[in-house]
PDB file of N, CA and C in Angstrom:
ATOM      1  N   MET A   1       0.799  -1.183   0.564  1.00  0.00           N
ATOM      2  CA  MET A   1       0.033   0.335   0.023  1.00  0.00           C
ATOM      3  C   MET A   1       0.670   1.062   0.349  1.00  0.00           C
ATOM      4  N   GLU A   2       1.409   1.599   0.830  1.00  0.00           N
ATOM      5  CA  GLU A   2       2.632   2.775   0.940  1.00  0.00           C
ATOM      6  C   GLU A   2       3.931   2.670  -0.744  1.00  0.00           C
ATOM      7  N   ALA A   3       3.903   1.497  -1.315  1.00  0.00           N
ATOM      8  CA  ALA A   3       4.171   2.290  -2.341  1.00  0.00           C
ATOM      9  C   ALA A   3       3.250   2.655  -3.058  1.00  0.00           C
ATOM     10  N   ARG A   4       2.325   2.109  -3.330  1.00  0.00           N
ATOM     11  CA  ARG A   4       1.131   2.609  -4.584  1.00  0.00           C
ATOM     12  C   ARG A   4       0.825   4.162  -3.944  1.00  0.00           C
ATOM     13  N   VAL A   5       1.155   4.741  -2.460  1.00  0.00           N
ATOM     14  CA  VAL A   5       0.527   6.142  -2.335  1.00  0.00           C
ATOM     15  C   VAL A   5       1.757   6.695  -3.007  1.00  0.00           C
ATOM     16  N   PHE A   6       3.122   5.875  -2.784  1.00  0.00           N
ATOM     17  CA  PHE A   6       4.713   6.579  -3.024  1.00  0.00           C
ATOM     18  C   PHE A   6       4.250   6.404  -4.546  1.00  0.00           C
ATOM     19  N   GLU A   7       3.778   6.160  -5.264  1.00  0.00           N
ATOM     20  CA  GLU A   7       3.439   6.255  -6.580  1.00  0.00           C
ATOM     21  C   GLU A   7       2.511   7.183  -7.131  1.00  0.00           C
ATOM     22  N   ILE A   8       1.137   7.702  -6.143  1.00  0.00           N
ATOM     23  CA  ILE A   8       0.312   8.276  -6.315  1.00  0.00           C
ATOM     24  C   ILE A   8       0.436   9.796  -6.424  1.00  0.00           C
ATOM     25  N   ILE A   9       1.646   9.854  -4.972  1.00  0.00           N
ATOM     26  CA  ILE A   9       1.911  11.034  -4.758  1.00  0.00           C
ATOM     27  C   ILE A   9       2.734  11.530  -5.751  1.00  0.00           C
ATOM     28  N   ASN A  10       4.086  11.241  -6.572  1.00  0.00           N
ATOM     29  CA  ASN A  10       5.225  11.397  -7.522  1.00  0.00           C
ATOM     30  C   ASN A  10       4.020  11.348  -8.446  1.00  0.00           C
ATOM     31  N   THR A  11       3.311  10.825  -8.878  1.00  0.00           N
ATOM     32  CA  THR A  11       2.272  11.474 -10.367  1.00  0.00           C
ATOM     33  C   THR A  11       1.355  12.747  -9.980  1.00  0.00           C
ATOM     34  N   VAL A  12       0.928  13.305  -9.130  1.00  0.00           N
ATOM     35  CA  VAL A  12       0.362  14.188  -8.726  1.00  0.00           C
ATOM     36  C   VAL A  12       1.817  15.519  -9.032  1.00  0.00           C
ATOM     37  N   LEU A  13       2.629  15.048  -8.002  1.00  0.00           N
ATOM     38  CA  LEU A  13       3.536  16.281  -8.297  1.00  0.00           C
ATOM     39  C   LEU A  13       4.149  16.073  -9.728  1.00  0.00           C
ATOM     40  N   SER A  14       3.940  15.481 -10.395  1.00  0.00           N
ATOM     41  CA  SER A  14       4.581  15.060 -11.715  1.00  0.00           C
ATOM     42  C   SER A  14       3.915  15.939 -12.575  1.00  0.00           C
ATOM     43  N   ASN A  15       2.609  15.806 -12.268  1.00  0.00           N
ATOM     44  CA  ASN A  15       0.934  16.165 -13.315  1.00  0.00           C
ATOM     45  C   ASN A  15       1.364  17.829 -13.221  1.00  0.00           C
ATOM     46  N   ARG A  16       1.429  18.793 -12.168  1.00  0.00           N
ATOM     47  CA  ARG A  16       1.908  20.047 -11.475  1.00  0.00           C
ATOM     48  C   ARG A  16       3.285  20.155 -11.789  1.00  0.00           C
ATOM     49  N   SER A  17       4.217  19.499 -12.778  1.00  0.00           N
ATOM     50  CA  SER A  17       5.470  19.885 -13.058  1.00  0.00           C
ATOM     51  C   SER A  17       6.455  20.466 -11.758  1.00  0.00           C
ATOM     52  N   LYS A  18       6.150  19.452 -10.462  1.00  0.00           N
ATOM     53  CA  LYS A  18       6.772  19.786  -9.333  1.00  0.00           C
ATOM     54  C   LYS A  18       7.491  18.706  -9.520  1.00  0.00           C
ATOM     55  N   PRO A  19       8.784  18.842  -9.083  1.00  0.00           N
ATOM     56  CA  PRO A  19       9.883  17.563  -8.677  1.00  0.00           C
ATOM     57  C   PRO A  19       9.636  16.181  -7.947  1.00  0.00           C
ATOM     58  N   LYS A  20       9.894  15.079  -8.494  1.00  0.00           N
ATOM     59  CA  LYS A  20       8.844  13.850  -7.731  1.00  0.00           C
ATOM     60  C   LYS A  20       9.525  14.394  -6.636  1.00  0.00           C
ATOM     61  N   ILE A  21       9.172  12.978  -5.452  1.00  0.00           N
ATOM     62  CA  ILE A  21      10.244  13.164  -4.067  1.00  0.00           C
ATOM     63  C   ILE A  21      11.106  11.331  -4.753  1.00  0.00           C
ATOM     64  N   SER A  22      12.033  10.986  -3.782  1.00  0.00           N
ATOM     65  CA  SER A  22      12.497   9.572  -3.730  1.00  0.00           C
ATOM     66  C   SER A  22      12.513   9.207  -2.529  1.00  0.00           C
ATOM     67  N   SER A  23      12.052   9.207  -1.877  1.00  0.00           N
ATOM     68  CA  SER A  23      11.477   8.490  -0.924  1.00  0.00           C
ATOM     69  C   SER A  23      10.528   8.668  -0.398  1.00  0.00           C
ATOM     70  N   LEU A  24       9.473   7.732   0.809  1.00  0.00           N
ATOM     71  CA  LEU A  24       8.733   8.828   1.256  1.00  0.00           C
ATOM     72  C   LEU A  24       8.347   7.948   2.905  1.00  0.00           C
ATOM     73  N   LYS A  25       8.666   8.832   3.611  1.00  0.00           N
ATOM     74  CA  LYS A  25       8.095   9.019   5.472  1.00  0.00           C
ATOM     75  C   LYS A  25       6.917   9.308   5.826  1.00  0.00           C
ATOM     76  N   SER A  26       6.407   8.728   6.704  1.00  0.00           N
ATOM     77  CA  SER A  26       4.988   9.230   7.561  1.00  0.00           C
ATOM     78  C   SER A  26       5.138  10.347   7.717  1.00  0.00           C
ATOM     79  N   GLU A  27       6.304  10.840   8.534  1.00  0.00           N
ATOM     80  CA  GLU A  27       6.141  12.087   9.048  1.00  0.00           C
ATOM     81  C   GLU A  27       6.468  13.486   8.010  1.00  0.00           C
ATOM     82  N   MET A  28       6.484  13.211   6.535  1.00  0.00           N
ATOM     83  CA  MET A  28       6.163  13.979   6.041  1.00  0.00           C
ATOM     84  C   MET A  28       5.383  15.009   5.586  1.00  0.00           C
ATOM     85  N   ASP A  29       5.518  16.267   5.689  1.00  0.00           N
ATOM     86  CA  ASP A  29       3.724  17.051   6.075  1.00  0.00           C
ATOM     87  C   ASP A  29       3.961  17.395   4.258  1.00  0.00           C
ATOM     88  N   LEU A  30       2.171  17.122   4.177  1.00  0.00           N
ATOM     89  CA  LEU A  30       1.859  17.025   2.557  1.00  0.00           C
ATOM     90  C   LEU A  30       2.378  18.667   1.893  1.00  0.00           C
ATOM     91  N   ARG A  31       2.238  19.722   2.566  1.00  0.00           N
ATOM     92  CA  ARG A  31       2.408  21.389   2.142  1.00  0.00           C
ATOM     93  C   ARG A  31       3.923  21.175   2.474  1.00  0.00           C
ATOM     94  N   ASN A  32       3.990  21.449   3.426  1.00  0.00           N
ATOM     95  CA  ASN A  32       5.832  21.894   3.649  1.00  0.00           C
ATOM     96  C   ASN A  32       6.752  21.121   3.221  1.00  0.00           C
ATOM     97  N   ASP A  33       7.116  19.869   3.126  1.00  0.00           N
ATOM     98  CA  ASP A  33       7.999  19.023   2.856  1.00  0.00           C
ATOM     99  C   ASP A  33       7.682  18.381   1.135  1.00  0.00           C
ATOM    100  N   LEU A  34       6.466  18.278   0.862  1.00  0.00           N
ATOM    101  CA  LEU A  34       6.321  17.774  -0.609  1.00  0.00           C
ATOM    102  C   LEU A  34       5.482  19.381  -1.304  1.00  0.00           C
ATOM    103  N   GLY A  35       5.267  20.440  -1.094  1.00  0.00           N
ATOM    104  CA  GLY A  35       5.443  21.561  -1.664  1.00  0.00           C
ATOM    105  C   GLY A  35       3.710  21.393  -2.376  1.00  0.00           C
ATOM    106  N   MET A  36       2.919  20.946  -1.786  1.00  0.00           N
ATOM    107  CA  MET A  36       1.571  20.287  -2.634  1.00  0.00           C
ATOM    108  C   MET A  36       0.540  21.642  -2.101  1.00  0.00           C
ATOM    109  N   ASP A  37       0.063  22.135  -2.669  1.00  0.00           N
ATOM    110  CA  ASP A  37      -1.141  23.441  -2.964  1.00  0.00           C
ATOM    111  C   ASP A  37      -2.541  22.777  -2.709  1.00  0.00           C
ATOM    112  N   SER A  38      -3.065  23.140  -2.564  1.00  0.00           N
ATOM    113  CA  SER A  38      -4.752  23.062  -2.798  1.00  0.00           C
ATOM    114  C   SER A  38      -5.197  22.223  -3.975  1.00  0.00           C
ATOM    115  N   LEU A  39      -4.437  22.363  -5.500  1.00  0.00           N
ATOM    116  CA  LEU A  39      -4.575  21.893  -6.318  1.00  0.00           C
ATOM    117  C   LEU A  39      -4.168  20.691  -6.463  1.00  0.00           C
ATOM    118  N   ASP A  40      -2.969  20.335  -5.651  1.00  0.00           N
ATOM    119  CA  ASP A  40      -2.410  19.277  -5.735  1.00  0.00           C
ATOM    120  C   ASP A  40      -3.160  18.253  -4.841  1.00  0.00           C
ATOM    121  N   LEU A  41      -3.861  18.774  -3.602  1.00  0.00           N
ATOM    122  CA  LEU A  41      -4.286  17.902  -2.754  1.00  0.00           C
ATOM    123  C   LEU A  41      -5.614  17.551  -3.059  1.00  0.00           C
ATOM    124  N   ALA A  42      -6.732  18.093  -3.781  1.00  0.00           N
ATOM    125  CA  ALA A  42      -7.751  17.861  -4.440  1.00  0.00           C
ATOM    126  C   ALA A  42      -7.358  16.640  -5.049  1.00  0.00           C
ATOM    127  N   GLU A  43      -6.226  16.546  -6.026  1.00  0.00           N
ATOM    128  CA  GLU A  43      -6.024  15.936  -7.521  1.00  0.00           C
ATOM    129  C   GLU A  43      -5.278  14.324  -6.272  1.00  0.00           C
ATOM    130  N   LEU A  44      -4.618  14.467  -5.535  1.00  0.00           N
ATOM    131  CA  LEU A  44      -4.496  13.453  -4.472  1.00  0.00           C
ATOM    132  C   LEU A  44      -5.618  12.913  -4.018  1.00  0.00           C
ATOM    133  N   THR A  45      -6.641  13.691  -3.508  1.00  0.00           N
ATOM    134  CA  THR A  45      -8.122  13.033  -2.770  1.00  0.00           C
ATOM    135  C   THR A  45      -8.845  12.327  -4.075  1.00  0.00           C
ATOM    136  N   VAL A  46      -8.740  12.861  -5.069  1.00  0.00           N
ATOM    137  CA  VAL A  46      -9.069  12.117  -6.196  1.00  0.00           C
ATOM    138  C   VAL A  46      -8.793  10.461  -6.173  1.00  0.00           C
ATOM    139  N   ARG A  47      -7.214  10.501  -6.076  1.00  0.00           N
ATOM    140  CA  ARG A  47      -6.691   9.292  -7.275  1.00  0.00           C
ATOM    141  C   ARG A  47      -7.051   8.507  -5.907  1.00  0.00           C
ATOM    142  N   ILE A  48      -6.720   8.589  -4.524  1.00  0.00           N
ATOM    143  CA  ILE A  48      -7.190   7.918  -3.733  1.00  0.00           C
ATOM    144  C   ILE A  48      -8.141   7.326  -3.087  1.00  0.00           C
ATOM    145  N   GLU A  49      -9.653   8.162  -3.259  1.00  0.00           N
ATOM    146  CA  GLU A  49     -10.792   7.557  -3.585  1.00  0.00           C
ATOM    147  C   GLU A  49     -10.914   6.886  -4.646  1.00  0.00           C
ATOM    148  N   ALA A  50      -9.918   7.026  -5.833  1.00  0.00           N
ATOM    149  CA  ALA A  50     -10.792   6.109  -6.716  1.00  0.00           C
ATOM    150  C   ALA A  50      -9.834   4.596  -6.429  1.00  0.00           C
ATOM    151  N   GLU A  51      -8.401   4.987  -5.717  1.00  0.00           N
ATOM    152  CA  GLU A  51      -7.701   3.511  -5.741  1.00  0.00           C
ATOM    153  C   GLU A  51      -8.465   3.056  -4.486  1.00  0.00           C
ATOM    154  N   TYR A  52      -8.221   3.550  -3.923  1.00  0.00           N
ATOM    155  CA  TYR A  52      -8.911   2.481  -2.220  1.00  0.00           C
ATOM    156  C   TYR A  52     -10.476   2.619  -1.540  1.00  0.00           C
ATOM    157  N   ASP A  53     -11.549   4.046  -2.176  1.00  0.00           N
ATOM    158  CA  ASP A  53     -12.693   3.628  -1.819  1.00  0.00           C
ATOM    159  C   ASP A  53     -12.639   4.479  -0.904  1.00  0.00           C
ATOM    160  N   VAL A  54     -11.866   5.292  -0.402  1.00  0.00           N
ATOM    161  CA  VAL A  54     -11.513   5.827   0.979  1.00  0.00           C
ATOM    162  C   VAL A  54     -11.553   7.731   0.762  1.00  0.00           C
ATOM    163  N   ASP A  55     -12.328   8.851   0.719  1.00  0.00           N
ATOM    164  CA  ASP A  55     -12.288   9.996   1.162  1.00  0.00           C
ATOM    165  C   ASP A  55     -11.318  10.344   2.400  1.00  0.00           C
ATOM    166  N   ILE A  56      -9.437  10.558   1.951  1.00  0.00           N
ATOM    167  CA  ILE A  56      -8.912  11.233   3.299  1.00  0.00           C
ATOM    168  C   ILE A  56      -9.020  12.195   3.881  1.00  0.00           C
ATOM    169  N   PHE A  57     -10.065  13.459   3.191  1.00  0.00           N
ATOM    170  CA  PHE A  57     -10.467  14.534   3.850  1.00  0.00           C
ATOM    171  C   PHE A  57     -11.942  14.545   4.732  1.00  0.00           C
ATOM    172  N   GLU A  58     -12.617  13.315   4.736  1.00  0.00           N
ATOM    173  CA  GLU A  58     -13.977  13.071   5.046  1.00  0.00           C
ATOM    174  C   GLU A  58     -13.711  13.825   6.223  1.00  0.00           C
ATOM    175  N   ASP A  59     -12.633  13.332   7.411  1.00  0.00           N
ATOM    176  CA  ASP A  59     -13.343  13.851   8.899  1.00  0.00           C
ATOM    177  C   ASP A  59     -12.294  14.678   9.153  1.00  0.00           C
ATOM    178  N   GLY A  60     -12.114  15.443   8.181  1.00  0.00           N
ATOM    179  CA  GLY A  60     -10.788  16.924   8.279  1.00  0.00           C
ATOM    180  C   GLY A  60      -9.639  17.076   7.981  1.00  0.00           C
ATOM    181  N   ILE A  61      -8.730  17.808   7.899  1.00  0.00           N
ATOM    182  CA  ILE A  61      -7.734  17.945   7.297  1.00  0.00           C
ATOM    183  C   ILE A  61      -6.953  17.012   7.497  1.00  0.00           C
ATOM    184  N   VAL A  62      -6.182  16.196   6.445  1.00  0.00           N
ATOM    185  CA  VAL A  62      -4.798  15.902   6.628  1.00  0.00           C
ATOM    186  C   VAL A  62      -3.745  16.610   6.281  1.00  0.00           C
ATOM    187  N   ARG A  63      -2.714  16.109   6.925  1.00  0.00           N
ATOM    188  CA  ARG A  63      -1.541  17.179   6.806  1.00  0.00           C
ATOM    189  C   ARG A  63      -0.464  16.283   6.786  1.00  0.00           C
ATOM    190  N   THR A  64      -0.533  15.150   7.071  1.00  0.00           N
ATOM    191  CA  THR A  64       1.139  14.134   6.897  1.00  0.00           C
ATOM    192  C   THR A  64       0.613  12.775   6.324  1.00  0.00           C
ATOM    193  N   VAL A  65       2.060  12.236   5.474  1.00  0.00           N
ATOM    194  CA  VAL A  65       1.849  10.864   4.979  1.00  0.00           C
ATOM    195  C   VAL A  65       1.370   9.819   5.663  1.00  0.00           C
ATOM    196  N   GLY A  66       1.269   9.947   6.983  1.00  0.00           N
ATOM    197  CA  GLY A  66       1.197   8.972   8.002  1.00  0.00           C
ATOM    198  C   GLY A  66      -0.162   9.260   7.989  1.00  0.00           C
ATOM    199  N   GLU A  67      -0.702  10.484   8.083  1.00  0.00           N
ATOM    200  CA  GLU A  67      -2.279  10.540   8.228  1.00  0.00           C
ATOM    201  C   GLU A  67      -3.101  10.052   7.007  1.00  0.00           C
ATOM    202  N   VAL A  68      -2.525   9.820   6.248  1.00  0.00           N
ATOM    203  CA  VAL A  68      -2.759   9.604   4.578  1.00  0.00           C
ATOM    204  C   VAL A  68      -2.964   7.883   4.344  1.00  0.00           C
ATOM    205  N   LEU A  69      -1.877   7.378   4.876  1.00  0.00           N
ATOM    206  CA  LEU A  69      -1.980   6.093   5.053  1.00  0.00           C
ATOM    207  C   LEU A  69      -2.667   5.855   6.120  1.00  0.00           C
ATOM    208  N   LYS A  70      -2.747   6.170   7.294  1.00  0.00           N
ATOM    209  CA  LYS A  70      -3.818   5.926   8.313  1.00  0.00           C
ATOM    210  C   LYS A  70      -5.303   5.825   8.143  1.00  0.00           C
ATOM    211  N   LYS A  71      -5.232   7.022   6.756  1.00  0.00           N
ATOM    212  CA  LYS A  71      -7.084   6.849   6.323  1.00  0.00           C
ATOM    213  C   LYS A  71      -7.400   5.383   5.421  1.00  0.00           C
ATOM    214  N   ILE A  72      -6.153   5.327   5.083  1.00  0.00           N
ATOM    215  CA  ILE A  72      -6.366   4.305   3.911  1.00  0.00           C
ATOM    216  C   ILE A  72      -6.791   2.038   4.427  1.00  0.00           C
TER     217      ILE A  72
END
């Protein structure tokens, strides 16, 4: 699962012409460490929901990769 989330995050970053990441850590902040903005987070949400049938922002703001993984 973590490997697939890594791929999804890199797809989102690549689609928005942002540099891909080389590794994924649960403490990484989606905005501060990965440089995601609201459009990136919207795309991430749609892709995770399509893959896992889970709305990661259903219960509120998700800030870290670890929180994303926990929701899945």
